């Protein structure tokens, strides 16, 4: 199934289509959810304010076979360390590379 076919389904947007392509079909996708968006911007991997552009910026520097694992790592980091409110910068192994670090 293609991204276009998935997005044509009711309630399926770009992010969900990317998750299905990457997880269910093992394809190369880098879905941008709120965690991926936040962490990518804080780390300076993208300055874009549009998730589609953030996805393109990340895809330009992440090998296709590493995109879903990278997506999952950014989500975990965003949930556990780099939270939207009160990020745990003191615990972050990436703080030296971060534009947000306190």
PDB file of N, CA and C in Angstrom:
ATOM      1  N   UNK A   1       0.854  -1.172   0.000  1.00  0.00           N
ATOM      2  CA  UNK A   1       0.000   0.000   0.000  1.00  0.00           C
ATOM      3  C   UNK A   1       0.900   1.235   0.000  1.00  0.00           C
ATOM      4  N   UNK A   2       0.532   2.230  -0.769  1.00  0.00           N
ATOM      5  CA  UNK A   2       1.341   3.449  -0.866  1.00  0.00           C
ATOM      6  C   UNK A   2       0.896   4.475   0.172  1.00  0.00           C
ATOM      7  N   UNK A   3       1.758   5.480   0.378  1.00  0.00           N
ATOM      8  CA  UNK A   3       1.411   6.571   1.292  1.00  0.00           C
ATOM      9  C   UNK A   3       0.117   7.251   0.836  1.00  0.00           C
ATOM     10  N   UNK A   4      -0.009   7.476  -0.451  1.00  0.00           N
ATOM     11  CA  UNK A   4      -1.211   8.114  -0.980  1.00  0.00           C
ATOM     12  C   UNK A   4      -2.471   7.303  -0.718  1.00  0.00           C
ATOM     13  N   UNK A   5      -2.381   5.993  -0.893  1.00  0.00           N
ATOM     14  CA  UNK A   5      -3.528   5.127  -0.628  1.00  0.00           C
ATOM     15  C   UNK A   5      -3.896   5.138   0.850  1.00  0.00           C
ATOM     16  N   UNK A   6      -2.887   5.124   1.695  1.00  0.00           N
ATOM     17  CA  UNK A   6      -3.151   5.177   3.139  1.00  0.00           C
ATOM     18  C   UNK A   6      -3.783   6.509   3.531  1.00  0.00           C
ATOM     19  N   UNK A   7      -3.238   7.598   3.019  1.00  0.00           N
ATOM     20  CA  UNK A   7      -3.761   8.924   3.358  1.00  0.00           C
ATOM     21  C   UNK A   7      -5.164   9.157   2.811  1.00  0.00           C
ATOM     22  N   UNK A   8      -5.557   8.381   1.822  1.00  0.00           N
ATOM     23  CA  UNK A   8      -6.908   8.493   1.277  1.00  0.00           C
ATOM     24  C   UNK A   8      -7.950   7.876   2.209  1.00  0.00           C
ATOM     25  N   UNK A   9      -7.503   7.058   3.151  1.00  0.00           N
ATOM     26  CA  UNK A   9      -8.426   6.448   4.115  1.00  0.00           C
ATOM     27  C   UNK A   9      -8.893   7.500   5.121  1.00  0.00           C
ATOM     28  N   UNK A  10     -10.138   7.419   5.554  1.00  0.00           N
ATOM     29  CA  UNK A  10     -10.649   8.382   6.525  1.00  0.00           C
ATOM     30  C   UNK A  10      -9.834   8.390   7.815  1.00  0.00           C
ATOM     31  N   UNK A  11      -9.438   9.577   8.242  1.00  0.00           N
ATOM     32  CA  UNK A  11      -8.727   9.736   9.506  1.00  0.00           C
ATOM     33  C   UNK A  11      -7.244   9.421   9.464  1.00  0.00           C
ATOM     34  N   UNK A  12      -6.712   9.095   8.290  1.00  0.00           N
ATOM     35  CA  UNK A  12      -5.293   8.766   8.168  1.00  0.00           C
ATOM     36  C   UNK A  12      -4.561   9.947   7.541  1.00  0.00           C
ATOM     37  N   UNK A  13      -3.648  10.516   8.300  1.00  0.00           N
ATOM     38  CA  UNK A  13      -2.839  11.629   7.811  1.00  0.00           C
ATOM     39  C   UNK A  13      -1.428  11.171   7.509  1.00  0.00           C
ATOM     40  N   UNK A  14      -0.566  12.127   7.259  1.00  0.00           N
ATOM     41  CA  UNK A  14       0.816  11.841   6.880  1.00  0.00           C
ATOM     42  C   UNK A  14       1.558  11.030   7.947  1.00  0.00           C
ATOM     43  N   UNK A  15       1.418  11.441   9.217  1.00  0.00           N
ATOM     44  CA  UNK A  15       2.144  10.758  10.293  1.00  0.00           C
ATOM     45  C   UNK A  15       1.690   9.308  10.419  1.00  0.00           C
ATOM     46  N   UNK A  16       0.393   9.075  10.476  1.00  0.00           N
ATOM     47  CA  UNK A  16      -0.125   7.716  10.622  1.00  0.00           C
ATOM     48  C   UNK A  16       0.266   6.856   9.427  1.00  0.00           C
ATOM     49  N   UNK A  17       0.185   7.423   8.232  1.00  0.00           N
ATOM     50  CA  UNK A  17       0.595   6.682   7.033  1.00  0.00           C
ATOM     51  C   UNK A  17       2.068   6.297   7.129  1.00  0.00           C
ATOM     52  N   UNK A  18       2.900   7.214   7.613  1.00  0.00           N
ATOM     53  CA  UNK A  18       4.320   6.925   7.779  1.00  0.00           C
ATOM     54  C   UNK A  18       4.576   5.818   8.783  1.00  0.00           C
ATOM     55  N   UNK A  19       3.826   5.830   9.880  1.00  0.00           N
ATOM     56  CA  UNK A  19       3.974   4.778  10.896  1.00  0.00           C
ATOM     57  C   UNK A  19       3.597   3.425  10.301  1.00  0.00           C
ATOM     58  N   UNK A  20       2.502   3.365   9.569  1.00  0.00           N
ATOM     59  CA  UNK A  20       2.066   2.106   8.954  1.00  0.00           C
ATOM     60  C   UNK A  20       3.104   1.626   7.941  1.00  0.00           C
ATOM     61  N   UNK A  21       3.598   2.534   7.115  1.00  0.00           N
ATOM     62  CA  UNK A  21       4.615   2.160   6.128  1.00  0.00           C
ATOM     63  C   UNK A  21       5.867   1.621   6.818  1.00  0.00           C
ATOM     64  N   UNK A  22       6.290   2.292   7.872  1.00  0.00           N
ATOM     65  CA  UNK A  22       7.519   1.905   8.550  1.00  0.00           C
ATOM     66  C   UNK A  22       7.393   0.676   9.412  1.00  0.00           C
ATOM     67  N   UNK A  23       6.293   0.575  10.160  1.00  0.00           N
ATOM     68  CA  UNK A  23       6.150  -0.534  11.112  1.00  0.00           C
ATOM     69  C   UNK A  23       5.525  -1.761  10.441  1.00  0.00           C
ATOM     70  N   UNK A  24       4.406  -1.580   9.789  1.00  0.00           N
ATOM     71  CA  UNK A  24       3.688  -2.724   9.219  1.00  0.00           C
ATOM     72  C   UNK A  24       4.352  -3.264   7.949  1.00  0.00           C
ATOM     73  N   UNK A  25       4.896  -2.357   7.130  1.00  0.00           N
ATOM     74  CA  UNK A  25       5.459  -2.783   5.856  1.00  0.00           C
ATOM     75  C   UNK A  25       6.983  -2.768   5.833  1.00  0.00           C
ATOM     76  N   UNK A  26       7.618  -2.297   6.908  1.00  0.00           N
ATOM     77  CA  UNK A  26       9.072  -2.263   6.959  1.00  0.00           C
ATOM     78  C   UNK A  26       9.702  -1.290   5.990  1.00  0.00           C
ATOM     79  N   UNK A  27       8.923  -0.316   5.577  1.00  0.00           N
ATOM     80  CA  UNK A  27       9.417   0.672   4.623  1.00  0.00           C
ATOM     81  C   UNK A  27      10.229   1.767   5.288  1.00  0.00           C
ATOM     82  N   UNK A  28      10.770   2.635   4.471  1.00  0.00           N
ATOM     83  CA  UNK A  28      11.561   3.756   4.950  1.00  0.00           C
ATOM     84  C   UNK A  28      10.641   4.954   5.163  1.00  0.00           C
ATOM     85  N   UNK A  29      10.421   5.281   6.410  1.00  0.00           N
ATOM     86  CA  UNK A  29       9.591   6.432   6.740  1.00  0.00           C
ATOM     87  C   UNK A  29      10.158   7.066   7.995  1.00  0.00           C
ATOM     88  N   UNK A  30       9.899   8.344   8.162  1.00  0.00           N
ATOM     89  CA  UNK A  30      10.339   9.045   9.363  1.00  0.00           C
ATOM     90  C   UNK A  30       9.189   9.933   9.819  1.00  0.00           C
ATOM     91  N   UNK A  31       8.144   9.324  10.378  1.00  0.00           N
ATOM     92  CA  UNK A  31       6.969  10.081  10.795  1.00  0.00           C
ATOM     93  C   UNK A  31       7.329  11.118  11.870  1.00  0.00           C
ATOM     94  N   UNK A  32       6.730  12.281  11.755  1.00  0.00           N
ATOM     95  CA  UNK A  32       7.002  13.355  12.708  1.00  0.00           C
ATOM     96  C   UNK A  32       5.778  13.575  13.579  1.00  0.00           C
ATOM     97  N   UNK A  33       5.891  13.134  14.830  1.00  0.00           N
ATOM     98  CA  UNK A  33       4.849  13.424  15.812  1.00  0.00           C
ATOM     99  C   UNK A  33       5.347  14.568  16.681  1.00  0.00           C
ATOM    100  N   UNK A  34       4.638  14.876  17.741  1.00  0.00           N
ATOM    101  CA  UNK A  34       5.003  16.004  18.585  1.00  0.00           C
ATOM    102  C   UNK A  34       6.375  15.830  19.234  1.00  0.00           C
ATOM    103  N   UNK A  35       6.727  14.599  19.613  1.00  0.00           N
ATOM    104  CA  UNK A  35       8.023  14.355  20.242  1.00  0.00           C
ATOM    105  C   UNK A  35       9.162  14.499  19.239  1.00  0.00           C
ATOM    106  N   UNK A  36       9.014  13.890  18.080  1.00  0.00           N
ATOM    107  CA  UNK A  36      10.030  13.982  17.033  1.00  0.00           C
ATOM    108  C   UNK A  36      10.214  15.443  16.634  1.00  0.00           C
ATOM    109  N   UNK A  37       9.124  16.153  16.468  1.00  0.00           N
ATOM    110  CA  UNK A  37       9.165  17.571  16.088  1.00  0.00           C
ATOM    111  C   UNK A  37       9.957  18.374  17.124  1.00  0.00           C
ATOM    112  N   UNK A  38       9.616  18.208  18.389  1.00  0.00           N
ATOM    113  CA  UNK A  38      10.246  18.973  19.470  1.00  0.00           C
ATOM    114  C   UNK A  38      11.731  18.651  19.586  1.00  0.00           C
ATOM    115  N   UNK A  39      12.081  17.376  19.645  1.00  0.00           N
ATOM    116  CA  UNK A  39      13.472  16.983  19.837  1.00  0.00           C
ATOM    117  C   UNK A  39      14.327  17.386  18.635  1.00  0.00           C
ATOM    118  N   UNK A  40      13.828  17.186  17.435  1.00  0.00           N
ATOM    119  CA  UNK A  40      14.579  17.565  16.231  1.00  0.00           C
ATOM    120  C   UNK A  40      14.880  19.059  16.221  1.00  0.00           C
ATOM    121  N   UNK A  41      13.919  19.857  16.610  1.00  0.00           N
ATOM    122  CA  UNK A  41      14.129  21.312  16.637  1.00  0.00           C
ATOM    123  C   UNK A  41      15.085  21.707  17.763  1.00  0.00           C
ATOM    124  N   UNK A  42      14.937  21.117  18.926  1.00  0.00           N
ATOM    125  CA  UNK A  42      15.819  21.460  20.043  1.00  0.00           C
ATOM    126  C   UNK A  42      17.267  21.073  19.756  1.00  0.00           C
ATOM    127  N   UNK A  43      17.461  19.978  19.048  1.00  0.00           N
ATOM    128  CA  UNK A  43      18.816  19.529  18.719  1.00  0.00           C
ATOM    129  C   UNK A  43      19.379  20.233  17.490  1.00  0.00           C
ATOM    130  N   UNK A  44      18.585  21.083  16.874  1.00  0.00           N
ATOM    131  CA  UNK A  44      19.054  21.810  15.706  1.00  0.00           C
ATOM    132  C   UNK A  44      19.102  20.968  14.442  1.00  0.00           C
ATOM    133  N   UNK A  45      18.404  19.845  14.435  1.00  0.00           N
ATOM    134  CA  UNK A  45      18.350  19.009  13.238  1.00  0.00           C
ATOM    135  C   UNK A  45      17.423  19.602  12.195  1.00  0.00           C
ATOM    136  N   UNK A  46      16.555  20.492  12.628  1.00  0.00           N
ATOM    137  CA  UNK A  46      15.654  21.213  11.735  1.00  0.00           C
ATOM    138  C   UNK A  46      15.206  22.479  12.441  1.00  0.00           C
ATOM    139  N   UNK A  47      15.072  23.532  11.675  1.00  0.00           N
ATOM    140  CA  UNK A  47      14.543  24.783  12.213  1.00  0.00           C
ATOM    141  C   UNK A  47      13.123  25.018  11.710  1.00  0.00           C
ATOM    142  N   UNK A  48      12.633  24.075  10.926  1.00  0.00           N
ATOM    143  CA  UNK A  48      11.315  24.224  10.304  1.00  0.00           C
ATOM    144  C   UNK A  48      10.194  24.223  11.335  1.00  0.00           C
ATOM    145  N   UNK A  49       9.122  24.891  10.999  1.00  0.00           N
ATOM    146  CA  UNK A  49       7.938  24.936  11.863  1.00  0.00           C
ATOM    147  C   UNK A  49       6.810  24.064  11.311  1.00  0.00           C
ATOM    148  N   UNK A  50       7.089  23.415  10.200  1.00  0.00           N
ATOM    149  CA  UNK A  50       6.115  22.547   9.535  1.00  0.00           C
ATOM    150  C   UNK A  50       6.613  21.101   9.639  1.00  0.00           C
ATOM    151  N   UNK A  51       5.786  20.185  10.174  1.00  0.00           N
ATOM    152  CA  UNK A  51       6.219  18.793  10.328  1.00  0.00           C
ATOM    153  C   UNK A  51       6.691  18.135   9.028  1.00  0.00           C
ATOM    154  N   UNK A  52       6.110  18.498   7.908  1.00  0.00           N
ATOM    155  CA  UNK A  52       6.531  17.909   6.626  1.00  0.00           C
ATOM    156  C   UNK A  52       7.956  18.330   6.307  1.00  0.00           C
ATOM    157  N   UNK A  53       8.290  19.580   6.585  1.00  0.00           N
ATOM    158  CA  UNK A  53       9.648  20.071   6.348  1.00  0.00           C
ATOM    159  C   UNK A  53      10.623  19.448   7.352  1.00  0.00           C
ATOM    160  N   UNK A  54      10.208  19.302   8.611  1.00  0.00           N
ATOM    161  CA  UNK A  54      11.060  18.632   9.602  1.00  0.00           C
ATOM    162  C   UNK A  54      11.350  17.211   9.129  1.00  0.00           C
ATOM    163  N   UNK A  55      10.331  16.529   8.632  1.00  0.00           N
ATOM    164  CA  UNK A  55      10.512  15.168   8.104  1.00  0.00           C
ATOM    165  C   UNK A  55      11.542  15.163   6.974  1.00  0.00           C
ATOM    166  N   UNK A  56      11.437  16.113   6.069  1.00  0.00           N
ATOM    167  CA  UNK A  56      12.378  16.186   4.944  1.00  0.00           C
ATOM    168  C   UNK A  56      13.794  16.481   5.436  1.00  0.00           C
ATOM    169  N   UNK A  57      13.931  17.382   6.400  1.00  0.00           N
ATOM    170  CA  UNK A  57      15.250  17.703   6.952  1.00  0.00           C
ATOM    171  C   UNK A  57      15.884  16.477   7.601  1.00  0.00           C
ATOM    172  N   UNK A  58      15.102  15.742   8.377  1.00  0.00           N
ATOM    173  CA  UNK A  58      15.618  14.541   9.029  1.00  0.00           C
ATOM    174  C   UNK A  58      15.959  13.459   8.006  1.00  0.00           C
ATOM    175  N   UNK A  59      15.084  13.261   7.038  1.00  0.00           N
ATOM    176  CA  UNK A  59      15.303  12.232   6.015  1.00  0.00           C
ATOM    177  C   UNK A  59      16.574  12.509   5.215  1.00  0.00           C
ATOM    178  N   UNK A  60      16.928  13.790   5.089  1.00  0.00           N
ATOM    179  CA  UNK A  60      18.128  14.157   4.339  1.00  0.00           C
ATOM    180  C   UNK A  60      19.411  13.727   5.051  1.00  0.00           C
ATOM    181  N   UNK A  61      19.346  13.515   6.356  1.00  0.00           N
ATOM    182  CA  UNK A  61      20.573  13.165   7.084  1.00  0.00           C
ATOM    183  C   UNK A  61      20.516  11.788   7.764  1.00  0.00           C
ATOM    184  N   UNK A  62      19.425  11.060   7.605  1.00  0.00           N
ATOM    185  CA  UNK A  62      19.293   9.732   8.207  1.00  0.00           C
ATOM    186  C   UNK A  62      19.143   8.709   7.080  1.00  0.00           C
ATOM    187  N   UNK A  63      19.965   7.682   7.117  1.00  0.00           N
ATOM    188  CA  UNK A  63      19.886   6.645   6.085  1.00  0.00           C
ATOM    189  C   UNK A  63      18.500   6.000   6.085  1.00  0.00           C
ATOM    190  N   UNK A  64      17.991   5.625   4.927  1.00  0.00           N
ATOM    191  CA  UNK A  64      16.645   5.047   4.852  1.00  0.00           C
ATOM    192  C   UNK A  64      16.405   3.886   5.813  1.00  0.00           C
ATOM    193  N   UNK A  65      17.370   2.995   5.960  1.00  0.00           N
ATOM    194  CA  UNK A  65      17.171   1.836   6.835  1.00  0.00           C
ATOM    195  C   UNK A  65      17.230   2.203   8.318  1.00  0.00           C
ATOM    196  N   UNK A  66      17.653   3.409   8.631  1.00  0.00           N
ATOM    197  CA  UNK A  66      17.734   3.857  10.023  1.00  0.00           C
ATOM    198  C   UNK A  66      16.600   4.798  10.419  1.00  0.00           C
ATOM    199  N   UNK A  67      15.720   5.138   9.493  1.00  0.00           N
ATOM    200  CA  UNK A  67      14.686   6.149   9.767  1.00  0.00           C
ATOM    201  C   UNK A  67      13.679   5.726  10.824  1.00  0.00           C
ATOM    202  N   UNK A  68      13.145   4.526  10.761  1.00  0.00           N
ATOM    203  CA  UNK A  68      12.186   4.095  11.786  1.00  0.00           C
ATOM    204  C   UNK A  68      12.852   3.905  13.142  1.00  0.00           C
ATOM    205  N   UNK A  69      14.031   3.272  13.210  1.00  0.00           N
ATOM    206  CA  UNK A  69      14.690   3.195  14.516  1.00  0.00           C
ATOM    207  C   UNK A  69      14.984   4.590  15.094  1.00  0.00           C
ATOM    208  N   UNK A  70      15.396   5.517  14.242  1.00  0.00           N
ATOM    209  CA  UNK A  70      15.653   6.890  14.692  1.00  0.00           C
ATOM    210  C   UNK A  70      14.366   7.539  15.196  1.00  0.00           C
ATOM    211  N   UNK A  71      13.283   7.335  14.455  1.00  0.00           N
ATOM    212  CA  UNK A  71      11.958   7.838  14.844  1.00  0.00           C
ATOM    213  C   UNK A  71      11.593   7.336  16.244  1.00  0.00           C
ATOM    214  N   UNK A  72      11.772   6.052  16.481  1.00  0.00           N
ATOM    215  CA  UNK A  72      11.433   5.468  17.783  1.00  0.00           C
ATOM    216  C   UNK A  72      12.337   6.005  18.893  1.00  0.00           C
ATOM    217  N   UNK A  73      13.600   6.211  18.595  1.00  0.00           N
ATOM    218  CA  UNK A  73      14.523   6.757  19.603  1.00  0.00           C
ATOM    219  C   UNK A  73      14.164   8.192  19.957  1.00  0.00           C
ATOM    220  N   UNK A  74      13.812   8.992  18.947  1.00  0.00           N
ATOM    221  CA  UNK A  74      13.419  10.381  19.242  1.00  0.00           C
ATOM    222  C   UNK A  74      12.143  10.422  20.076  1.00  0.00           C
ATOM    223  N   UNK A  75      11.203   9.545  19.785  1.00  0.00           N
ATOM    224  CA  UNK A  75       9.969   9.493  20.578  1.00  0.00           C
ATOM    225  C   UNK A  75      10.301   9.139  22.026  1.00  0.00           C
ATOM    226  N   UNK A  76      11.091   8.108  22.226  1.00  0.00           N
ATOM    227  CA  UNK A  76      11.445   7.700  23.591  1.00  0.00           C
ATOM    228  C   UNK A  76      12.162   8.825  24.318  1.00  0.00           C
ATOM    229  N   UNK A  77      13.093   9.479  23.655  1.00  0.00           N
ATOM    230  CA  UNK A  77      13.835  10.578  24.278  1.00  0.00           C
ATOM    231  C   UNK A  77      12.888  11.732  24.619  1.00  0.00           C
ATOM    232  N   UNK A  78      11.962  12.021  23.728  1.00  0.00           N
ATOM    233  CA  UNK A  78      11.004  13.090  23.963  1.00  0.00           C
ATOM    234  C   UNK A  78      10.025  12.793  25.085  1.00  0.00           C
ATOM    235  N   UNK A  79       9.702  11.532  25.270  1.00  0.00           N
ATOM    236  CA  UNK A  79       8.781  11.141  26.349  1.00  0.00           C
ATOM    237  C   UNK A  79       9.471  11.075  27.700  1.00  0.00           C
ATOM    238  N   UNK A  80      10.717  10.614  27.706  1.00  0.00           N
ATOM    239  CA  UNK A  80      11.403  10.334  28.964  1.00  0.00           C
ATOM    240  C   UNK A  80      12.315  11.457  29.451  1.00  0.00           C
ATOM    241  N   UNK A  81      12.990  12.142  28.565  1.00  0.00           N
ATOM    242  CA  UNK A  81      13.994  13.139  28.954  1.00  0.00           C
ATOM    243  C   UNK A  81      13.616  14.531  28.449  1.00  0.00           C
ATOM    244  N   UNK A  82      13.445  14.650  27.170  1.00  0.00           N
ATOM    245  CA  UNK A  82      13.226  15.952  26.532  1.00  0.00           C
ATOM    246  C   UNK A  82      11.729  16.260  26.422  1.00  0.00           C
ATOM    247  N   UNK A  83      11.101  16.320  27.577  1.00  0.00           N
ATOM    248  CA  UNK A  83       9.664  16.553  27.618  1.00  0.00           C
ATOM    249  C   UNK A  83       9.347  18.006  27.265  1.00  0.00           C
ATOM    250  N   UNK A  84       8.103  18.238  26.899  1.00  0.00           N
ATOM    251  CA  UNK A  84       7.701  19.590  26.498  1.00  0.00           C
ATOM    252  C   UNK A  84       7.832  20.571  27.664  1.00  0.00           C
ATOM    253  N   UNK A  85       7.358  20.144  28.812  1.00  0.00           N
ATOM    254  CA  UNK A  85       7.462  20.979  30.013  1.00  0.00           C
ATOM    255  C   UNK A  85       8.487  20.354  30.941  1.00  0.00           C
ATOM    256  N   UNK A  86       9.332  21.155  31.465  1.00  0.00           N
ATOM    257  CA  UNK A  86      10.370  20.709  32.408  1.00  0.00           C
ATOM    258  C   UNK A  86      11.214  19.549  31.867  1.00  0.00           C
ATOM    259  N   UNK A  87      11.911  19.776  30.754  1.00  0.00           N
ATOM    260  CA  UNK A  87      12.787  18.714  30.261  1.00  0.00           C
ATOM    261  C   UNK A  87      13.889  18.437  31.274  1.00  0.00           C
ATOM    262  N   UNK A  88      14.328  17.202  31.328  1.00  0.00           N
ATOM    263  CA  UNK A  88      15.371  16.779  32.270  1.00  0.00           C
ATOM    264  C   UNK A  88      16.749  16.979  31.635  1.00  0.00           C
ATOM    265  N   UNK A  89      17.092  18.219  31.364  1.00  0.00           N
ATOM    266  CA  UNK A  89      18.348  18.533  30.683  1.00  0.00           C
ATOM    267  C   UNK A  89      19.557  18.003  31.453  1.00  0.00           C
ATOM    268  N   UNK A  90      19.489  18.008  32.758  1.00  0.00           N
ATOM    269  CA  UNK A  90      20.604  17.528  33.581  1.00  0.00           C
ATOM    270  C   UNK A  90      20.858  16.027  33.388  1.00  0.00           C
ATOM    271  N   UNK A  91      19.879  15.292  32.896  1.00  0.00           N
ATOM    272  CA  UNK A  91      20.020  13.856  32.648  1.00  0.00           C
ATOM    273  C   UNK A  91      20.305  13.535  31.180  1.00  0.00           C
ATOM    274  N   UNK A  92      20.295  14.536  30.351  1.00  0.00           N
ATOM    275  CA  UNK A  92      20.349  14.313  28.905  1.00  0.00           C
ATOM    276  C   UNK A  92      21.776  14.113  28.396  1.00  0.00           C
ATOM    277  N   UNK A  93      21.964  13.014  27.672  1.00  0.00           N
ATOM    278  CA  UNK A  93      23.270  12.731  27.081  1.00  0.00           C
ATOM    279  C   UNK A  93      23.536  13.583  25.843  1.00  0.00           C
ATOM    280  N   UNK A  94      22.527  14.312  25.385  1.00  0.00           N
ATOM    281  CA  UNK A  94      22.665  15.156  24.189  1.00  0.00           C
ATOM    282  C   UNK A  94      22.721  16.642  24.517  1.00  0.00           C
ATOM    283  N   UNK A  95      22.769  17.002  25.798  1.00  0.00           N
ATOM    284  CA  UNK A  95      22.669  18.410  26.175  1.00  0.00           C
ATOM    285  C   UNK A  95      23.766  19.277  25.588  1.00  0.00           C
ATOM    286  N   UNK A  96      24.935  18.708  25.332  1.00  0.00           N
ATOM    287  CA  UNK A  96      26.016  19.498  24.736  1.00  0.00           C
ATOM    288  C   UNK A  96      25.732  19.875  23.284  1.00  0.00           C
ATOM    289  N   UNK A  97      24.770  19.223  22.677  1.00  0.00           N
ATOM    290  CA  UNK A  97      24.415  19.477  21.285  1.00  0.00           C
ATOM    291  C   UNK A  97      23.077  20.196  21.145  1.00  0.00           C
ATOM    292  N   UNK A  98      22.471  20.522  22.265  1.00  0.00           N
ATOM    293  CA  UNK A  98      21.106  21.005  22.276  1.00  0.00           C
ATOM    294  C   UNK A  98      21.029  22.531  22.293  1.00  0.00           C
ATOM    295  N   UNK A  99      20.089  23.056  21.536  1.00  0.00           N
ATOM    296  CA  UNK A  99      19.847  24.499  21.501  1.00  0.00           C
ATOM    297  C   UNK A  99      18.960  24.947  22.652  1.00  0.00           C
ATOM    298  N   UNK A 100      18.381  24.017  23.365  1.00  0.00           N
ATOM    299  CA  UNK A 100      17.418  24.323  24.425  1.00  0.00           C
ATOM    300  C   UNK A 100      18.015  24.184  25.823  1.00  0.00           C
ATOM    301  N   UNK A 101      19.028  23.332  25.944  1.00  0.00           N
ATOM    302  CA  UNK A 101      19.575  22.953  27.242  1.00  0.00           C
ATOM    303  C   UNK A 101      19.764  24.135  28.188  1.00  0.00           C
ATOM    304  N   UNK A 102      19.332  23.910  29.400  1.00  0.00           N
ATOM    305  CA  UNK A 102      19.385  24.960  30.424  1.00  0.00           C
ATOM    306  C   UNK A 102      20.707  24.859  31.180  1.00  0.00           C
TER     307      UNK A 102
END
